[in-house]
Amino acid sequence: MSKFIVSYLGGNMPSNPEEGAKHFEKYKEWLSSLGDAIVSAANPLKDTQTINPDSSVTDGSTTAMSGFSIIEAGSIEIAVEMVKSCPFLEIGGSLEVSELMQM
């Protein structure tokens, strides 16, 4: 089995706490449906700092990545199928699936 990183890009914040709670419940159900395939479930990112080629540091990200999960699957095609039902897509976000290489 290979490991894949699922990168969460963009997405709209819930408009109120109730909407946020409903979305989070859907997200927990989706994670639960993946069972043992989940290696690292939910890793939101915050307070990003970018280190530039000249070693200067700027606040914020140069990408729209807002978090990631790591899953195991037999192929990238299987991983993509697993991710297609993620509720993050329902809030306007995009997902990228990349195989993690062992070095």
N, C-alpha and C. Protein backbone atom coordinates (compact mmCIF):
# COMPACT_ATOMS: atom_id res chain seq x y z
N MET A 1 0.84 -1.18 0.00
CA MET A 1 0.00 0.00 0.00
C MET A 1 0.88 1.25 0.00
N SER A 2 0.47 2.20 -0.79
CA SER A 2 1.17 3.47 -0.86
C SER A 2 0.45 4.50 -0.02
N LYS A 3 1.19 5.54 0.38
CA LYS A 3 0.60 6.64 1.12
C LYS A 3 0.40 7.81 0.18
N PHE A 4 -0.71 8.54 0.40
CA PHE A 4 -1.06 9.68 -0.43
C PHE A 4 -1.41 10.85 0.46
N ILE A 5 -0.96 12.04 0.07
CA ILE A 5 -1.34 13.25 0.78
C ILE A 5 -2.51 13.87 0.03
N VAL A 6 -3.52 14.24 0.78
CA VAL A 6 -4.68 14.93 0.24
C VAL A 6 -4.55 16.37 0.70
N SER A 7 -4.32 17.28 -0.24
CA SER A 7 -4.16 18.70 0.08
C SER A 7 -5.49 19.41 -0.09
N TYR A 8 -5.89 20.15 0.92
CA TYR A 8 -7.14 20.92 0.91
C TYR A 8 -6.81 22.34 0.42
N LEU A 9 -7.47 22.77 -0.65
CA LEU A 9 -7.18 24.07 -1.25
C LEU A 9 -8.43 24.93 -1.25
N GLY A 10 -8.29 26.14 -0.70
CA GLY A 10 -9.42 27.08 -0.71
C GLY A 10 -10.54 26.65 0.22
N GLY A 11 -11.76 26.81 -0.26
CA GLY A 11 -12.94 26.48 0.54
C GLY A 11 -13.50 27.71 1.21
N ASN A 12 -14.79 27.68 1.45
CA ASN A 12 -15.48 28.79 2.10
C ASN A 12 -15.77 28.45 3.55
N MET A 13 -15.50 29.39 4.41
CA MET A 13 -15.78 29.19 5.83
C MET A 13 -17.29 29.16 6.05
N PRO A 14 -17.77 28.33 6.98
CA PRO A 14 -19.21 28.32 7.29
C PRO A 14 -19.65 29.71 7.75
N SER A 15 -20.90 30.05 7.42
CA SER A 15 -21.40 31.39 7.74
C SER A 15 -21.80 31.55 9.20
N ASN A 16 -22.00 30.44 9.91
CA ASN A 16 -22.36 30.51 11.33
C ASN A 16 -21.93 29.21 12.02
N PRO A 17 -21.94 29.20 13.35
CA PRO A 17 -21.49 28.00 14.08
C PRO A 17 -22.32 26.76 13.78
N GLU A 18 -23.61 26.91 13.56
CA GLU A 18 -24.46 25.75 13.28
C GLU A 18 -24.07 25.11 11.94
N GLU A 19 -23.85 25.96 10.93
CA GLU A 19 -23.43 25.46 9.63
C GLU A 19 -22.06 24.76 9.75
N GLY A 20 -21.18 25.34 10.54
CA GLY A 20 -19.87 24.74 10.78
C GLY A 20 -19.98 23.38 11.44
N ALA A 21 -20.86 23.26 12.41
CA ALA A 21 -21.05 21.98 13.11
C ALA A 21 -21.61 20.92 12.16
N LYS A 22 -22.56 21.31 11.31
CA LYS A 22 -23.13 20.36 10.34
C LYS A 22 -22.06 19.88 9.36
N HIS A 23 -21.24 20.81 8.89
CA HIS A 23 -20.18 20.44 7.96
C HIS A 23 -19.18 19.52 8.65
N PHE A 24 -18.81 19.83 9.88
CA PHE A 24 -17.82 19.02 10.59
C PHE A 24 -18.35 17.61 10.82
N GLU A 25 -19.64 17.46 11.07
CA GLU A 25 -20.24 16.13 11.23
C GLU A 25 -20.11 15.33 9.93
N LYS A 26 -20.38 15.97 8.79
CA LYS A 26 -20.22 15.30 7.50
C LYS A 26 -18.76 14.88 7.29
N TYR A 27 -17.85 15.75 7.67
CA TYR A 27 -16.42 15.48 7.51
C TYR A 27 -16.02 14.28 8.38
N LYS A 28 -16.49 14.24 9.63
CA LYS A 28 -16.17 13.12 10.51
C LYS A 28 -16.74 11.81 9.96
N GLU A 29 -17.95 11.86 9.39
CA GLU A 29 -18.56 10.67 8.79
C GLU A 29 -17.72 10.18 7.60
N TRP A 30 -17.26 11.13 6.77
CA TRP A 30 -16.44 10.75 5.63
C TRP A 30 -15.14 10.10 6.11
N LEU A 31 -14.47 10.71 7.09
CA LEU A 31 -13.24 10.12 7.61
C LEU A 31 -13.49 8.73 8.17
N SER A 32 -14.58 8.56 8.87
CA SER A 32 -14.93 7.26 9.43
C SER A 32 -15.15 6.23 8.33
N SER A 33 -15.73 6.66 7.21
CA SER A 33 -15.99 5.73 6.10
C SER A 33 -14.70 5.22 5.47
N LEU A 34 -13.60 5.93 5.66
CA LEU A 34 -12.32 5.51 5.10
C LEU A 34 -11.64 4.44 5.95
N GLY A 35 -12.10 4.27 7.18
CA GLY A 35 -11.58 3.21 8.05
C GLY A 35 -10.08 3.25 8.24
N ASP A 36 -9.44 2.09 8.06
CA ASP A 36 -8.00 1.96 8.29
C ASP A 36 -7.14 2.65 7.24
N ALA A 37 -7.76 3.17 6.18
CA ALA A 37 -7.00 3.87 5.14
C ALA A 37 -6.45 5.21 5.65
N ILE A 38 -7.03 5.73 6.72
CA ILE A 38 -6.58 7.01 7.27
C ILE A 38 -5.28 6.81 8.05
N VAL A 39 -4.25 7.54 7.65
CA VAL A 39 -2.97 7.53 8.37
C VAL A 39 -2.91 8.74 9.29
N SER A 40 -3.32 9.90 8.77
CA SER A 40 -3.34 11.15 9.53
C SER A 40 -4.56 11.93 9.05
N ALA A 41 -5.59 11.99 9.89
CA ALA A 41 -6.92 12.41 9.44
C ALA A 41 -7.06 13.87 9.03
N ALA A 42 -6.88 14.77 9.91
CA ALA A 42 -7.18 16.18 9.62
C ALA A 42 -6.08 17.05 10.19
N ASN A 43 -5.43 17.79 9.32
CA ASN A 43 -4.31 18.64 9.73
C ASN A 43 -4.49 20.03 9.15
N PRO A 44 -5.32 20.87 9.78
CA PRO A 44 -5.49 22.23 9.27
C PRO A 44 -4.21 23.05 9.49
N LEU A 45 -4.00 24.01 8.61
CA LEU A 45 -2.82 24.87 8.70
C LEU A 45 -3.24 26.26 9.16
N LYS A 46 -2.38 26.93 9.93
CA LYS A 46 -2.64 28.31 10.34
C LYS A 46 -1.32 29.03 10.54
N ASP A 47 -1.38 30.35 10.57
CA ASP A 47 -0.21 31.19 10.83
C ASP A 47 0.99 30.82 9.95
N THR A 48 0.77 30.72 8.65
CA THR A 48 1.83 30.33 7.72
C THR A 48 2.83 31.46 7.52
N GLN A 49 4.08 31.10 7.48
CA GLN A 49 5.18 32.01 7.16
C GLN A 49 5.88 31.45 5.92
N THR A 50 6.23 32.30 4.98
CA THR A 50 6.93 31.87 3.78
C THR A 50 8.38 32.34 3.85
N ILE A 51 9.30 31.40 3.68
CA ILE A 51 10.72 31.74 3.63
C ILE A 51 11.08 31.83 2.15
N ASN A 52 11.52 32.98 1.72
CA ASN A 52 11.81 33.27 0.32
C ASN A 52 13.24 32.88 -0.03
N PRO A 53 13.57 32.79 -1.34
CA PRO A 53 14.91 32.38 -1.76
C PRO A 53 16.03 33.24 -1.17
N ASP A 54 15.74 34.51 -0.86
CA ASP A 54 16.76 35.39 -0.27
C ASP A 54 16.78 35.31 1.25
N SER A 55 16.07 34.32 1.81
CA SER A 55 15.96 34.07 3.26
C SER A 55 15.07 35.06 3.99
N SER A 56 14.45 36.00 3.28
CA SER A 56 13.49 36.88 3.94
C SER A 56 12.23 36.07 4.25
N VAL A 57 11.49 36.52 5.23
CA VAL A 57 10.29 35.82 5.67
C VAL A 57 9.10 36.76 5.52
N THR A 58 8.02 36.24 4.94
CA THR A 58 6.80 37.01 4.80
C THR A 58 5.64 36.26 5.42
N ASP A 59 4.67 37.01 5.92
CA ASP A 59 3.46 36.41 6.48
C ASP A 59 2.60 35.84 5.37
N GLY A 60 1.97 34.72 5.64
CA GLY A 60 1.03 34.14 4.70
C GLY A 60 1.67 33.12 3.77
N SER A 61 0.79 32.50 3.00
CA SER A 61 1.19 31.43 2.10
C SER A 61 1.20 31.92 0.66
N THR A 62 1.96 31.25 -0.17
CA THR A 62 1.93 31.53 -1.61
C THR A 62 0.98 30.58 -2.32
N THR A 63 0.31 29.69 -1.56
CA THR A 63 -0.66 28.76 -2.11
C THR A 63 -1.98 28.91 -1.36
N ALA A 64 -2.99 28.22 -1.82
CA ALA A 64 -4.29 28.25 -1.16
C ALA A 64 -4.46 27.05 -0.23
N MET A 65 -3.39 26.31 0.04
CA MET A 65 -3.49 25.10 0.86
C MET A 65 -3.89 25.47 2.28
N SER A 66 -4.98 24.84 2.75
CA SER A 66 -5.48 25.14 4.09
C SER A 66 -5.34 23.96 5.04
N GLY A 67 -4.87 22.81 4.54
CA GLY A 67 -4.68 21.66 5.39
C GLY A 67 -4.40 20.42 4.56
N PHE A 68 -4.26 19.27 5.26
CA PHE A 68 -4.00 18.02 4.56
C PHE A 68 -4.41 16.82 5.40
N SER A 69 -4.59 15.71 4.71
CA SER A 69 -4.78 14.40 5.32
C SER A 69 -3.84 13.44 4.62
N ILE A 70 -3.51 12.34 5.27
CA ILE A 70 -2.70 11.30 4.64
C ILE A 70 -3.50 10.00 4.69
N ILE A 71 -3.61 9.35 3.53
CA ILE A 71 -4.35 8.09 3.43
C ILE A 71 -3.47 7.03 2.78
N GLU A 72 -3.86 5.78 2.95
CA GLU A 72 -3.21 4.66 2.27
C GLU A 72 -4.17 4.07 1.26
N ALA A 73 -3.63 3.70 0.10
CA ALA A 73 -4.45 3.08 -0.94
C ALA A 73 -3.53 2.27 -1.84
N GLY A 74 -4.14 1.37 -2.61
CA GLY A 74 -3.39 0.50 -3.52
C GLY A 74 -2.88 1.22 -4.75
N SER A 75 -3.48 2.34 -5.12
CA SER A 75 -3.04 3.11 -6.29
C SER A 75 -3.58 4.52 -6.19
N ILE A 76 -3.05 5.41 -7.01
CA ILE A 76 -3.56 6.78 -6.99
C ILE A 76 -5.00 6.82 -7.47
N GLU A 77 -5.36 5.95 -8.39
CA GLU A 77 -6.74 5.90 -8.87
C GLU A 77 -7.71 5.57 -7.74
N ILE A 78 -7.32 4.63 -6.90
CA ILE A 78 -8.17 4.26 -5.75
C ILE A 78 -8.22 5.43 -4.77
N ALA A 79 -7.08 6.06 -4.52
CA ALA A 79 -7.04 7.21 -3.60
C ALA A 79 -7.96 8.32 -4.09
N VAL A 80 -7.91 8.61 -5.39
CA VAL A 80 -8.76 9.67 -5.96
C VAL A 80 -10.23 9.32 -5.77
N GLU A 81 -10.60 8.07 -6.00
CA GLU A 81 -12.00 7.66 -5.81
C GLU A 81 -12.43 7.83 -4.35
N MET A 82 -11.53 7.52 -3.41
CA MET A 82 -11.84 7.67 -1.99
C MET A 82 -12.10 9.13 -1.64
N VAL A 83 -11.36 10.02 -2.26
CA VAL A 83 -11.40 11.44 -1.92
C VAL A 83 -12.57 12.18 -2.59
N LYS A 84 -13.09 11.63 -3.67
CA LYS A 84 -14.17 12.29 -4.41
C LYS A 84 -15.41 12.56 -3.56
N SER A 85 -15.59 11.82 -2.49
CA SER A 85 -16.78 12.01 -1.64
C SER A 85 -16.51 12.90 -0.43
N CYS A 86 -15.35 13.55 -0.37
CA CYS A 86 -15.01 14.41 0.77
C CYS A 86 -15.92 15.64 0.79
N PRO A 87 -16.54 15.94 1.93
CA PRO A 87 -17.44 17.09 2.02
C PRO A 87 -16.75 18.45 1.88
N PHE A 88 -15.43 18.49 1.88
CA PHE A 88 -14.72 19.75 1.64
C PHE A 88 -15.10 20.32 0.27
N LEU A 89 -15.41 19.43 -0.66
CA LEU A 89 -15.82 19.86 -2.01
C LEU A 89 -17.14 20.62 -1.97
N GLU A 90 -17.99 20.32 -0.97
CA GLU A 90 -19.30 20.97 -0.84
C GLU A 90 -19.20 22.43 -0.41
N ILE A 91 -18.05 22.83 0.13
CA ILE A 91 -17.90 24.22 0.58
C ILE A 91 -16.99 25.00 -0.37
N GLY A 92 -16.90 24.54 -1.62
CA GLY A 92 -16.16 25.27 -2.63
C GLY A 92 -14.68 25.02 -2.66
N GLY A 93 -14.21 24.04 -1.89
CA GLY A 93 -12.78 23.73 -1.88
C GLY A 93 -12.42 22.75 -2.97
N SER A 94 -11.14 22.68 -3.27
CA SER A 94 -10.58 21.69 -4.19
C SER A 94 -9.65 20.78 -3.41
N LEU A 95 -9.43 19.60 -3.95
CA LEU A 95 -8.54 18.64 -3.32
C LEU A 95 -7.48 18.18 -4.32
N GLU A 96 -6.26 18.04 -3.87
CA GLU A 96 -5.20 17.45 -4.68
C GLU A 96 -4.75 16.17 -3.99
N VAL A 97 -4.54 15.14 -4.76
CA VAL A 97 -4.06 13.86 -4.24
C VAL A 97 -2.69 13.60 -4.86
N SER A 98 -1.70 13.38 -4.02
CA SER A 98 -0.33 13.13 -4.49
C SER A 98 0.25 11.94 -3.74
N GLU A 99 0.93 11.07 -4.47
CA GLU A 99 1.59 9.94 -3.81
C GLU A 99 2.82 10.44 -3.07
N LEU A 100 3.00 9.98 -1.84
CA LEU A 100 4.19 10.33 -1.06
C LEU A 100 5.29 9.34 -1.42
N MET A 101 6.42 9.85 -1.80
CA MET A 101 7.56 9.00 -2.16
C MET A 101 8.40 8.73 -0.92
N GLN A 102 8.86 7.49 -0.79
CA GLN A 102 9.77 7.13 0.29
C GLN A 102 11.19 7.42 -0.16
N MET A 103 11.94 8.10 0.67
CA MET A 103 13.32 8.44 0.30
C MET A 103 14.27 7.68 1.21
